[in-house]
Amino acid sequence: MSRKSSGNGHWKNPSRIKLDPDNSFGFVYLIVNLLTGRRYIGKKQYHQYRKGIKARPSDWRTYTSSSRLLNEDIKRQGKTNFHFEILAEFDTRGGLVYGETHLQHVCNVLTETDGEDERLFYNQFIDKIRFIPAEFMTAKKKKKIMSRVLQDFN
């Protein structure tokens, strides 16, 4: 049985973003494991490119993630136990890369934990940062640093 290739595949669009796969570059997404609450923030292009030219549509409708850990859980627990949501769409490669990395930083995907000190996100890296930091900044320390960074030195 062939799967119908129209529509958004398994991707939900609760924000009612008017998706335009033909004219947009790609989207930033959120995947949530409904059994554990663990999450993943990533990006996906609508098309594959060769030498900067749109070559063919990507597998975005059926794509789950580049995360090996997440894909193992999807295979083991079943796709129906995961929520797939498009958060934002971008017209350019730069916008897409920035949108993903900004959200990953804002959501602290490398360091955020649940109430039991388990990592909240499957993400193992942000752009080229491919490690989980051994130490974290407390909210108090972040606030102190940010006040110094934003201080008026005139």
Protein backbone atom coordinates (compact mmCIF):
# COMPACT_ATOMS: atom_id res chain seq x y z
CA MET A 1 0.00 0.00 0.00
CA SER A 2 1.52 3.34 -0.99
CA ARG A 3 1.34 6.26 1.33
CA LYS A 4 -0.34 9.38 0.02
CA SER A 5 2.34 12.04 -0.50
CA SER A 6 0.14 15.11 -0.13
CA GLY A 7 -0.55 17.00 3.08
CA ASN A 8 1.79 17.44 6.00
CA GLY A 9 2.48 13.78 6.75
CA HIS A 10 2.68 13.26 10.53
CA TRP A 11 3.45 16.94 11.23
CA LYS A 12 0.90 18.89 13.28
CA ASN A 13 0.43 22.59 12.69
CA PRO A 14 -1.52 23.91 15.72
CA SER A 15 -0.33 27.48 15.11
CA ARG A 16 -2.02 27.30 11.71
CA ILE A 17 1.15 28.39 9.94
CA LYS A 18 0.37 28.60 6.24
CA LEU A 19 2.96 26.14 5.02
CA ASP A 20 4.49 26.81 1.63
CA PRO A 21 6.88 23.93 0.82
CA ASP A 22 7.27 25.05 -2.79
CA ASN A 23 8.52 28.55 -1.93
CA SER A 24 9.96 28.22 1.59
CA PHE A 25 13.32 26.73 2.54
CA GLY A 26 12.25 24.65 5.55
CA PHE A 27 10.88 24.55 9.09
CA VAL A 28 11.87 24.22 12.72
CA TYR A 29 10.05 21.48 14.58
CA LEU A 30 9.39 20.01 18.01
CA ILE A 31 8.99 16.30 18.70
CA VAL A 32 7.65 15.20 22.10
CA ASN A 33 7.74 11.67 23.46
CA LEU A 34 4.22 11.42 24.93
CA LEU A 35 5.26 8.59 27.26
CA THR A 36 8.26 10.31 28.88
CA GLY A 37 7.88 14.01 28.02
CA ARG A 38 11.36 14.09 26.48
CA ARG A 39 11.67 16.53 23.57
CA TYR A 40 13.68 17.34 20.47
CA ILE A 41 14.03 20.61 18.55
CA GLY A 42 15.33 20.35 15.00
CA LYS A 43 15.06 21.67 11.47
CA LYS A 44 14.17 20.19 8.11
CA GLN A 45 14.53 21.49 4.55
CA TYR A 46 11.66 21.03 2.13
CA HIS A 47 14.00 20.27 -0.78
CA GLN A 48 17.41 18.79 -1.47
CA TYR A 49 19.85 21.08 -3.25
CA ARG A 50 22.71 20.36 -5.63
CA LYS A 51 25.22 23.18 -6.16
CA GLY A 52 22.73 25.67 -4.70
CA ILE A 53 19.90 24.66 -7.04
CA LYS A 54 16.70 22.99 -5.86
CA ALA A 55 17.05 19.38 -7.05
CA ARG A 56 14.09 17.48 -5.61
CA PRO A 57 11.69 17.39 -2.66
CA SER A 58 13.06 16.05 0.61
CA ASP A 59 11.42 13.37 2.73
CA TRP A 60 10.03 16.01 5.12
CA ARG A 61 6.54 14.48 5.37
CA THR A 62 7.87 11.20 6.81
CA TYR A 63 11.08 12.53 8.40
CA THR A 64 11.40 11.93 12.11
CA SER A 65 14.81 13.27 13.12
CA SER A 66 18.55 12.99 12.71
CA SER A 67 18.80 11.96 16.37
CA ARG A 68 19.75 8.30 16.73
CA LEU A 69 18.41 8.21 20.31
CA LEU A 70 15.06 9.68 19.31
CA ASN A 71 14.69 7.40 16.29
CA GLU A 72 15.44 4.36 18.46
CA ASP A 73 12.67 5.41 20.86
CA ILE A 74 10.25 6.00 17.97
CA LYS A 75 11.01 2.53 16.61
CA ARG A 76 10.72 0.88 20.05
CA GLN A 77 7.70 2.82 21.41
CA GLY A 78 5.80 3.43 18.17
CA LYS A 79 5.29 6.62 16.19
CA THR A 80 1.82 7.15 17.68
CA ASN A 81 3.45 7.82 21.05
CA PHE A 82 5.14 10.95 19.68
CA HIS A 83 3.85 14.42 18.87
CA PHE A 84 5.38 16.01 15.74
CA GLU A 85 4.84 19.78 15.48
CA ILE A 86 6.01 22.48 13.08
CA LEU A 87 6.96 25.55 15.12
CA ALA A 88 8.06 27.99 12.40
CA GLU A 89 8.74 28.12 8.69
CA PHE A 90 11.66 29.97 7.06
CA ASP A 91 12.28 31.27 3.55
CA THR A 92 16.09 31.09 3.66
CA ARG A 93 18.81 28.69 4.78
CA GLY A 94 20.21 31.36 7.10
CA GLY A 95 16.83 31.98 8.69
CA LEU A 96 16.29 28.25 9.20
CA VAL A 97 19.71 27.67 10.79
CA TYR A 98 19.32 30.73 13.03
CA GLY A 99 15.75 29.79 13.99
CA GLU A 100 16.79 26.29 15.05
CA THR A 101 19.92 27.28 16.98
CA HIS A 102 18.20 30.22 18.67
CA LEU A 103 15.34 28.03 19.90
CA GLN A 104 17.77 25.35 21.04
CA HIS A 105 19.72 27.92 23.06
CA VAL A 106 16.62 29.59 24.51
CA CYS A 107 15.21 26.20 25.54
CA ASN A 108 18.57 25.03 26.96
CA VAL A 109 18.35 21.75 25.06
CA LEU A 110 21.79 20.61 26.23
CA THR A 111 21.25 21.26 29.93
CA GLU A 112 17.52 21.42 30.79
CA THR A 113 16.32 18.66 33.10
CA ASP A 114 12.99 17.42 34.35
CA GLY A 115 12.06 17.31 38.04
CA GLU A 116 14.13 14.14 38.52
CA ASP A 117 17.38 15.48 37.01
CA GLU A 118 16.91 13.55 33.77
CA ARG A 119 17.72 15.43 30.57
CA LEU A 120 14.55 16.91 29.08
CA PHE A 121 15.80 16.97 25.47
CA TYR A 122 17.15 14.31 23.14
CA ASN A 123 19.35 16.96 21.47
CA GLN A 124 23.05 16.11 21.75
CA PHE A 125 24.40 19.27 20.12
CA ILE A 126 23.60 22.77 18.93
CA ASP A 127 25.06 23.49 15.51
CA LYS A 128 28.76 22.66 15.99
CA ILE A 129 28.62 22.28 19.77
CA ARG A 130 28.58 18.51 20.06
CA PHE A 131 28.81 17.88 23.77
CA ILE A 132 26.77 18.10 26.93
CA PRO A 133 28.45 20.59 29.29
CA ALA A 134 29.75 19.15 32.55
CA GLU A 135 28.78 22.29 34.43
CA PHE A 136 25.80 24.58 34.18
CA MET A 137 25.11 28.20 35.03
CA THR A 138 22.47 28.70 37.66
CA ALA A 139 19.67 31.18 37.00
CA LYS A 140 21.26 33.51 39.58
CA LYS A 141 24.64 33.33 37.84
CA LYS A 142 23.05 33.92 34.40
CA LYS A 143 21.20 36.96 35.74
CA LYS A 144 24.40 38.38 37.27
CA ILE A 145 26.35 37.85 34.03
CA MET A 146 23.58 39.32 31.86
CA SER A 147 23.36 42.43 34.05
CA ARG A 148 27.12 42.88 33.58
CA VAL A 149 26.91 42.30 29.82
CA LEU A 150 24.04 44.79 29.46
CA GLN A 151 25.57 47.36 31.82
CA ASP A 152 26.02 50.87 30.48
CA PHE A 153 29.76 51.59 30.42
CA ASN A 154 29.45 55.27 29.41
